[in-house]
PDB file of N, CA and C in Angstrom:
ATOM      1  N   UNK A   1       5.529 -17.388 -18.920  1.00  0.00           N
ATOM      2  CA  UNK A   1       5.339 -16.621 -17.912  1.00  0.00           C
ATOM      3  C   UNK A   1       6.717 -16.030 -17.446  1.00  0.00           C
ATOM      4  N   UNK A   2       6.912 -14.771 -17.574  1.00  0.00           N
ATOM      5  CA  UNK A   2       8.185 -14.203 -17.210  1.00  0.00           C
ATOM      6  C   UNK A   2       8.337 -14.295 -15.709  1.00  0.00           C
ATOM      7  N   UNK A   3       9.308 -14.868 -15.119  1.00  0.00           N
ATOM      8  CA  UNK A   3       9.645 -14.936 -13.765  1.00  0.00           C
ATOM      9  C   UNK A   3      10.313 -13.794 -13.062  1.00  0.00           C
ATOM     10  N   UNK A   4       9.670 -13.127 -12.107  1.00  0.00           N
ATOM     11  CA  UNK A   4      10.083 -11.885 -11.542  1.00  0.00           C
ATOM     12  C   UNK A   4      10.619 -12.357 -10.049  1.00  0.00           C
ATOM     13  N   UNK A   5      11.326 -11.304  -9.569  1.00  0.00           N
ATOM     14  CA  UNK A   5      11.655 -11.580  -8.066  1.00  0.00           C
ATOM     15  C   UNK A   5      10.387 -11.505  -7.321  1.00  0.00           C
ATOM     16  N   UNK A   6      10.122 -12.545  -6.377  1.00  0.00           N
ATOM     17  CA  UNK A   6       8.918 -12.450  -5.668  1.00  0.00           C
ATOM     18  C   UNK A   6       7.845 -13.471  -6.219  1.00  0.00           C
ATOM     19  N   UNK A   7       8.176 -13.966  -7.451  1.00  0.00           N
ATOM     20  CA  UNK A   7       7.242 -14.908  -7.991  1.00  0.00           C
ATOM     21  C   UNK A   7       7.465 -16.305  -7.542  1.00  0.00           C
ATOM     22  N   UNK A   8       8.515 -16.452  -6.795  1.00  0.00           N
ATOM     23  CA  UNK A   8       8.753 -17.835  -6.179  1.00  0.00           C
ATOM     24  C   UNK A   8       7.568 -18.407  -5.317  1.00  0.00           C
ATOM     25  N   UNK A   9       6.819 -17.414  -4.628  1.00  0.00           N
ATOM     26  CA  UNK A   9       5.753 -17.938  -3.846  1.00  0.00           C
ATOM     27  C   UNK A   9       4.585 -18.486  -4.850  1.00  0.00           C
ATOM     28  N   UNK A  10       4.375 -17.994  -6.003  1.00  0.00           N
ATOM     29  CA  UNK A  10       3.433 -18.532  -6.859  1.00  0.00           C
ATOM     30  C   UNK A  10       3.844 -20.005  -7.291  1.00  0.00           C
ATOM     31  N   UNK A  11       5.111 -20.218  -7.543  1.00  0.00           N
ATOM     32  CA  UNK A  11       5.598 -21.471  -7.933  1.00  0.00           C
ATOM     33  C   UNK A  11       5.479 -22.537  -6.809  1.00  0.00           C
ATOM     34  N   UNK A  12       5.770 -21.997  -5.702  1.00  0.00           N
ATOM     35  CA  UNK A  12       5.759 -22.887  -4.428  1.00  0.00           C
ATOM     36  C   UNK A  12       4.345 -23.347  -4.118  1.00  0.00           C
ATOM     37  N   UNK A  13       3.364 -22.377  -4.304  1.00  0.00           N
ATOM     38  CA  UNK A  13       2.037 -22.872  -4.020  1.00  0.00           C
ATOM     39  C   UNK A  13       1.528 -23.632  -5.179  1.00  0.00           C
ATOM     40  N   UNK A  14       1.917 -23.274  -6.315  1.00  0.00           N
ATOM     41  CA  UNK A  14       1.577 -24.169  -7.555  1.00  0.00           C
ATOM     42  C   UNK A  14       2.137 -25.586  -7.456  1.00  0.00           C
ATOM     43  N   UNK A  15       3.380 -25.801  -7.111  1.00  0.00           N
ATOM     44  CA  UNK A  15       4.052 -27.101  -6.810  1.00  0.00           C
ATOM     45  C   UNK A  15       3.256 -27.968  -5.807  1.00  0.00           C
ATOM     46  N   UNK A  16       2.942 -27.163  -4.746  1.00  0.00           N
ATOM     47  CA  UNK A  16       2.128 -27.863  -3.706  1.00  0.00           C
ATOM     48  C   UNK A  16       0.819 -28.384  -4.180  1.00  0.00           C
ATOM     49  N   UNK A  17       0.255 -27.440  -4.835  1.00  0.00           N
ATOM     50  CA  UNK A  17      -1.273 -27.738  -5.356  1.00  0.00           C
ATOM     51  C   UNK A  17      -1.197 -28.942  -6.294  1.00  0.00           C
ATOM     52  N   UNK A  18      -0.270 -28.907  -7.201  1.00  0.00           N
ATOM     53  CA  UNK A  18      -0.204 -29.928  -8.254  1.00  0.00           C
ATOM     54  C   UNK A  18       0.271 -31.251  -7.626  1.00  0.00           C
ATOM     55  N   UNK A  19       1.198 -31.265  -6.694  1.00  0.00           N
ATOM     56  CA  UNK A  19       1.495 -32.557  -5.980  1.00  0.00           C
ATOM     57  C   UNK A  19       0.428 -33.036  -5.219  1.00  0.00           C
ATOM     58  N   UNK A  20      -0.314 -32.195  -4.543  1.00  0.00           N
ATOM     59  CA  UNK A  20      -1.425 -32.745  -3.713  1.00  0.00           C
ATOM     60  C   UNK A  20      -2.595 -33.171  -4.611  1.00  0.00           C
ATOM     61  N   UNK A  21      -2.835 -32.584  -5.845  1.00  0.00           N
ATOM     62  CA  UNK A  21      -3.799 -33.043  -6.685  1.00  0.00           C
ATOM     63  C   UNK A  21      -3.546 -34.332  -7.441  1.00  0.00           C
ATOM     64  N   UNK A  22      -2.107 -34.691  -7.361  1.00  0.00           N
ATOM     65  CA  UNK A  22      -1.681 -35.850  -8.133  1.00  0.00           C
ATOM     66  C   UNK A  22      -1.062 -36.872  -7.186  1.00  0.00           C
ATOM     67  N   UNK A  23      -1.378 -36.690  -5.954  1.00  0.00           N
ATOM     68  CA  UNK A  23      -0.733 -37.680  -4.954  1.00  0.00           C
ATOM     69  C   UNK A  23      -1.036 -39.089  -5.300  1.00  0.00           C
ATOM     70  N   UNK A  24      -2.123 -39.320  -5.877  1.00  0.00           N
ATOM     71  CA  UNK A  24      -2.458 -40.718  -6.300  1.00  0.00           C
ATOM     72  C   UNK A  24      -1.621 -41.319  -7.438  1.00  0.00           C
ATOM     73  N   UNK A  25      -0.991 -40.375  -8.087  1.00  0.00           N
ATOM     74  CA  UNK A  25      -0.303 -40.840  -9.316  1.00  0.00           C
ATOM     75  C   UNK A  25       1.339 -40.616  -9.046  1.00  0.00           C
ATOM     76  N   UNK A  26       1.689 -40.201  -7.961  1.00  0.00           N
ATOM     77  CA  UNK A  26       3.170 -39.965  -7.588  1.00  0.00           C
ATOM     78  C   UNK A  26       4.150 -41.156  -7.812  1.00  0.00           C
ATOM     79  N   UNK A  27       3.547 -42.326  -7.620  1.00  0.00           N
ATOM     80  CA  UNK A  27       4.485 -43.448  -8.015  1.00  0.00           C
ATOM     81  C   UNK A  27       4.774 -43.475  -9.513  1.00  0.00           C
ATOM     82  N   UNK A  28       5.993 -43.149  -9.911  1.00  0.00           N
ATOM     83  CA  UNK A  28       6.084 -43.026 -11.374  1.00  0.00           C
ATOM     84  C   UNK A  28       5.885 -44.364 -12.230  1.00  0.00           C
ATOM     85  N   UNK A  29       5.290 -44.301 -13.345  1.00  0.00           N
ATOM     86  CA  UNK A  29       5.170 -45.554 -14.024  1.00  0.00           C
ATOM     87  C   UNK A  29       6.428 -46.140 -14.529  1.00  0.00           C
ATOM     88  N   UNK A  30       6.535 -47.500 -14.612  1.00  0.00           N
ATOM     89  CA  UNK A  30       7.876 -48.015 -15.101  1.00  0.00           C
ATOM     90  C   UNK A  30       8.299 -47.734 -16.438  1.00  0.00           C
ATOM     91  N   UNK A  31       7.159 -47.534 -17.122  1.00  0.00           N
ATOM     92  CA  UNK A  31       7.376 -47.179 -18.719  1.00  0.00           C
ATOM     93  C   UNK A  31       7.847 -45.725 -18.776  1.00  0.00           C
ATOM     94  N   UNK A  32       9.098 -45.578 -19.392  1.00  0.00           N
ATOM     95  CA  UNK A  32       9.805 -44.328 -19.551  1.00  0.00           C
ATOM     96  C   UNK A  32       8.975 -43.454 -20.290  1.00  0.00           C
ATOM     97  N   UNK A  33       8.248 -43.790 -21.374  1.00  0.00           N
ATOM     98  CA  UNK A  33       7.343 -42.837 -21.954  1.00  0.00           C
ATOM     99  C   UNK A  33       6.341 -42.325 -21.282  1.00  0.00           C
ATOM    100  N   UNK A  34       5.580 -43.164 -20.471  1.00  0.00           N
ATOM    101  CA  UNK A  34       4.546 -42.610 -19.621  1.00  0.00           C
ATOM    102  C   UNK A  34       5.058 -41.894 -18.543  1.00  0.00           C
ATOM    103  N   UNK A  35       6.241 -42.081 -18.037  1.00  0.00           N
ATOM    104  CA  UNK A  35       6.819 -41.353 -17.027  1.00  0.00           C
ATOM    105  C   UNK A  35       7.275 -39.877 -17.399  1.00  0.00           C
ATOM    106  N   UNK A  36       7.713 -39.851 -18.792  1.00  0.00           N
ATOM    107  CA  UNK A  36       8.047 -38.515 -19.423  1.00  0.00           C
ATOM    108  C   UNK A  36       6.791 -37.724 -19.524  1.00  0.00           C
ATOM    109  N   UNK A  37       5.665 -38.412 -20.022  1.00  0.00           N
ATOM    110  CA  UNK A  37       4.375 -37.590 -20.166  1.00  0.00           C
ATOM    111  C   UNK A  37       3.912 -37.195 -18.922  1.00  0.00           C
ATOM    112  N   UNK A  38       3.933 -37.896 -17.912  1.00  0.00           N
ATOM    113  CA  UNK A  38       3.448 -37.589 -16.510  1.00  0.00           C
ATOM    114  C   UNK A  38       4.183 -36.307 -16.019  1.00  0.00           C
ATOM    115  N   UNK A  39       5.482 -36.365 -16.142  1.00  0.00           N
ATOM    116  CA  UNK A  39       6.320 -35.304 -15.636  1.00  0.00           C
ATOM    117  C   UNK A  39       5.981 -33.974 -16.443  1.00  0.00           C
ATOM    118  N   UNK A  40       5.892 -34.273 -17.844  1.00  0.00           N
ATOM    119  CA  UNK A  40       5.639 -32.930 -18.714  1.00  0.00           C
ATOM    120  C   UNK A  40       4.134 -32.468 -18.299  1.00  0.00           C
ATOM    121  N   UNK A  41       3.198 -33.289 -17.981  1.00  0.00           N
ATOM    122  CA  UNK A  41       1.883 -32.874 -17.663  1.00  0.00           C
ATOM    123  C   UNK A  41       2.018 -32.091 -16.340  1.00  0.00           C
ATOM    124  N   UNK A  42       2.688 -32.599 -15.341  1.00  0.00           N
ATOM    125  CA  UNK A  42       2.787 -32.067 -14.147  1.00  0.00           C
ATOM    126  C   UNK A  42       3.606 -30.574 -14.174  1.00  0.00           C
ATOM    127  N   UNK A  43       4.543 -30.544 -15.069  1.00  0.00           N
ATOM    128  CA  UNK A  43       5.282 -29.293 -15.207  1.00  0.00           C
ATOM    129  C   UNK A  43       4.372 -28.283 -15.900  1.00  0.00           C
ATOM    130  N   UNK A  44       3.545 -28.734 -17.008  1.00  0.00           N
ATOM    131  CA  UNK A  44       2.677 -27.679 -17.562  1.00  0.00           C
ATOM    132  C   UNK A  44       1.600 -27.321 -16.533  1.00  0.00           C
ATOM    133  N   UNK A  45       1.216 -28.209 -15.801  1.00  0.00           N
ATOM    134  CA  UNK A  45       0.080 -27.811 -14.867  1.00  0.00           C
ATOM    135  C   UNK A  45       0.597 -26.938 -13.767  1.00  0.00           C
ATOM    136  N   UNK A  46       1.851 -27.025 -13.271  1.00  0.00           N
ATOM    137  CA  UNK A  46       2.600 -26.178 -12.341  1.00  0.00           C
ATOM    138  C   UNK A  46       2.733 -24.757 -12.928  1.00  0.00           C
ATOM    139  N   UNK A  47       3.117 -24.710 -14.182  1.00  0.00           N
ATOM    140  CA  UNK A  47       3.287 -23.335 -14.744  1.00  0.00           C
ATOM    141  C   UNK A  47       1.814 -22.624 -14.921  1.00  0.00           C
ATOM    142  N   UNK A  48       0.876 -23.348 -15.328  1.00  0.00           N
ATOM    143  CA  UNK A  48      -0.427 -22.942 -15.351  1.00  0.00           C
ATOM    144  C   UNK A  48      -1.064 -22.494 -14.143  1.00  0.00           C
ATOM    145  N   UNK A  49      -0.824 -23.191 -12.989  1.00  0.00           N
ATOM    146  CA  UNK A  49      -1.279 -22.886 -11.749  1.00  0.00           C
ATOM    147  C   UNK A  49      -0.621 -21.606 -11.253  1.00  0.00           C
ATOM    148  N   UNK A  50       0.717 -21.579 -11.434  1.00  0.00           N
ATOM    149  CA  UNK A  50       1.535 -20.288 -10.986  1.00  0.00           C
ATOM    150  C   UNK A  50       1.013 -19.014 -11.699  1.00  0.00           C
ATOM    151  N   UNK A  51       0.605 -19.188 -12.908  1.00  0.00           N
ATOM    152  CA  UNK A  51       0.121 -17.911 -13.764  1.00  0.00           C
ATOM    153  C   UNK A  51      -1.268 -17.636 -13.247  1.00  0.00           C
ATOM    154  N   UNK A  52      -2.005 -18.553 -13.002  1.00  0.00           N
ATOM    155  CA  UNK A  52      -3.272 -18.299 -12.377  1.00  0.00           C
ATOM    156  C   UNK A  52      -3.228 -17.689 -11.001  1.00  0.00           C
ATOM    157  N   UNK A  53      -2.396 -18.222 -10.096  1.00  0.00           N
ATOM    158  CA  UNK A  53      -2.246 -17.572  -8.709  1.00  0.00           C
ATOM    159  C   UNK A  53      -1.731 -16.195  -8.918  1.00  0.00           C
ATOM    160  N   UNK A  54      -0.783 -15.836  -9.821  1.00  0.00           N
ATOM    161  CA  UNK A  54      -0.172 -14.540  -9.931  1.00  0.00           C
ATOM    162  C   UNK A  54      -1.331 -13.749 -10.499  1.00  0.00           C
ATOM    163  N   UNK A  55      -2.144 -14.105 -11.496  1.00  0.00           N
ATOM    164  CA  UNK A  55      -3.209 -13.348 -12.082  1.00  0.00           C
ATOM    165  C   UNK A  55      -4.231 -12.927 -11.026  1.00  0.00           C
ATOM    166  N   UNK A  56      -4.635 -13.931 -10.166  1.00  0.00           N
ATOM    167  CA  UNK A  56      -5.515 -13.747  -9.181  1.00  0.00           C
ATOM    168  C   UNK A  56      -5.142 -12.702  -8.084  1.00  0.00           C
ATOM    169  N   UNK A  57      -3.819 -12.752  -7.734  1.00  0.00           N
ATOM    170  CA  UNK A  57      -3.127 -11.911  -6.860  1.00  0.00           C
ATOM    171  C   UNK A  57      -3.070 -10.549  -7.333  1.00  0.00           C
ATOM    172  N   UNK A  58      -2.462 -10.362  -8.629  1.00  0.00           N
ATOM    173  CA  UNK A  58      -2.526  -9.228  -9.243  1.00  0.00           C
ATOM    174  C   UNK A  58      -3.645  -8.349  -9.415  1.00  0.00           C
ATOM    175  N   UNK A  59      -4.803  -9.071  -9.736  1.00  0.00           N
ATOM    176  CA  UNK A  59      -6.143  -8.588  -9.869  1.00  0.00           C
ATOM    177  C   UNK A  59      -6.664  -8.065  -8.453  1.00  0.00           C
ATOM    178  N   UNK A  60      -6.415  -8.889  -7.476  1.00  0.00           N
ATOM    179  CA  UNK A  60      -6.762  -8.491  -5.962  1.00  0.00           C
ATOM    180  C   UNK A  60      -6.236  -7.213  -5.641  1.00  0.00           C
ATOM    181  N   UNK A  61      -4.711  -7.152  -5.993  1.00  0.00           N
ATOM    182  CA  UNK A  61      -4.018  -6.012  -5.548  1.00  0.00           C
ATOM    183  C   UNK A  61      -4.534  -4.674  -6.221  1.00  0.00           C
ATOM    184  N   UNK A  62      -4.670  -4.785  -7.493  1.00  0.00           N
ATOM    185  CA  UNK A  62      -5.253  -3.625  -8.379  1.00  0.00           C
ATOM    186  C   UNK A  62      -6.625  -3.244  -7.822  1.00  0.00           C
ATOM    187  N   UNK A  63      -7.372  -4.139  -7.440  1.00  0.00           N
ATOM    188  CA  UNK A  63      -8.834  -3.916  -6.966  1.00  0.00           C
ATOM    189  C   UNK A  63      -8.637  -3.088  -5.554  1.00  0.00           C
ATOM    190  N   UNK A  64      -7.832  -3.576  -4.701  1.00  0.00           N
ATOM    191  CA  UNK A  64      -7.584  -2.885  -3.422  1.00  0.00           C
ATOM    192  C   UNK A  64      -6.933  -1.482  -3.710  1.00  0.00           C
ATOM    193  N   UNK A  65      -5.978  -1.412  -4.539  1.00  0.00           N
ATOM    194  CA  UNK A  65      -5.503  -0.154  -4.693  1.00  0.00           C
ATOM    195  C   UNK A  65      -6.367   0.869  -5.422  1.00  0.00           C
ATOM    196  N   UNK A  66      -7.246   0.454  -6.136  1.00  0.00           N
ATOM    197  CA  UNK A  66      -8.186   1.329  -6.896  1.00  0.00           C
ATOM    198  C   UNK A  66      -9.314   1.783  -5.826  1.00  0.00           C
ATOM    199  N   UNK A  67      -9.618   0.904  -4.824  1.00  0.00           N
ATOM    200  CA  UNK A  67     -10.676   1.065  -3.927  1.00  0.00           C
ATOM    201  C   UNK A  67     -10.171   0.513  -2.480  1.00  0.00           C
ATOM    202  N   UNK A  68      -9.454   1.230  -1.726  1.00  0.00           N
ATOM    203  CA  UNK A  68      -8.866   0.788  -0.446  1.00  0.00           C
ATOM    204  C   UNK A  68      -9.961   0.565   0.501  1.00  0.00           C
ATOM    205  N   UNK A  69     -11.092   1.140   0.437  1.00  0.00           N
ATOM    206  CA  UNK A  69     -12.206   1.029   1.331  1.00  0.00           C
ATOM    207  C   UNK A  69     -12.998  -0.348   1.100  1.00  0.00           C
ATOM    208  N   UNK A  70     -12.752  -0.931  -0.042  1.00  0.00           N
ATOM    209  CA  UNK A  70     -13.392  -2.253  -0.333  1.00  0.00           C
ATOM    210  C   UNK A  70     -13.216  -3.272   0.680  1.00  0.00           C
ATOM    211  N   UNK A  71     -12.106  -3.381   1.184  1.00  0.00           N
ATOM    212  CA  UNK A  71     -11.746  -4.289   2.204  1.00  0.00           C
ATOM    213  C   UNK A  71     -12.579  -4.119   3.522  1.00  0.00           C
ATOM    214  N   UNK A  72     -12.650  -2.868   3.880  1.00  0.00           N
ATOM    215  CA  UNK A  72     -13.471  -2.290   5.015  1.00  0.00           C
ATOM    216  C   UNK A  72     -14.828  -2.837   4.944  1.00  0.00           C
ATOM    217  N   UNK A  73     -15.427  -2.536   3.695  1.00  0.00           N
ATOM    218  CA  UNK A  73     -16.855  -2.861   3.479  1.00  0.00           C
ATOM    219  C   UNK A  73     -17.197  -4.379   3.464  1.00  0.00           C
ATOM    220  N   UNK A  74     -16.086  -5.085   2.946  1.00  0.00           N
ATOM    221  CA  UNK A  74     -16.207  -6.575   2.927  1.00  0.00           C
ATOM    222  C   UNK A  74     -16.276  -7.253   4.486  1.00  0.00           C
ATOM    223  N   UNK A  75     -15.538  -6.413   5.370  1.00  0.00           N
ATOM    224  CA  UNK A  75     -15.544  -6.834   6.830  1.00  0.00           C
ATOM    225  C   UNK A  75     -16.634  -6.496   7.488  1.00  0.00           C
ATOM    226  N   UNK A  76     -17.382  -5.576   6.958  1.00  0.00           N
ATOM    227  CA  UNK A  76     -18.657  -4.922   7.704  1.00  0.00           C
ATOM    228  C   UNK A  76     -19.847  -5.911   7.570  1.00  0.00           C
ATOM    229  N   UNK A  77     -19.700  -6.811   6.581  1.00  0.00           N
ATOM    230  CA  UNK A  77     -20.947  -7.646   6.319  1.00  0.00           C
ATOM    231  C   UNK A  77     -21.168  -8.620   7.392  1.00  0.00           C
TER     232      UNK A  77
END
């Protein structure tokens, strides 16, 4: 994922999400190999979540730009 200015918010949200989802595992294992794998897994998950959040946001923005009235219709329901 190419990181652009403004993408920090996606990483911030991704980090918070991954830490929350792994709160039961946050005590690092004593074994160095396990610890490295755990940190690599969390790093990979953070990047994936950031990409997902960015993709969702970009899609929502495109949809709103193509049909600005869509938001008004959703609120009318």
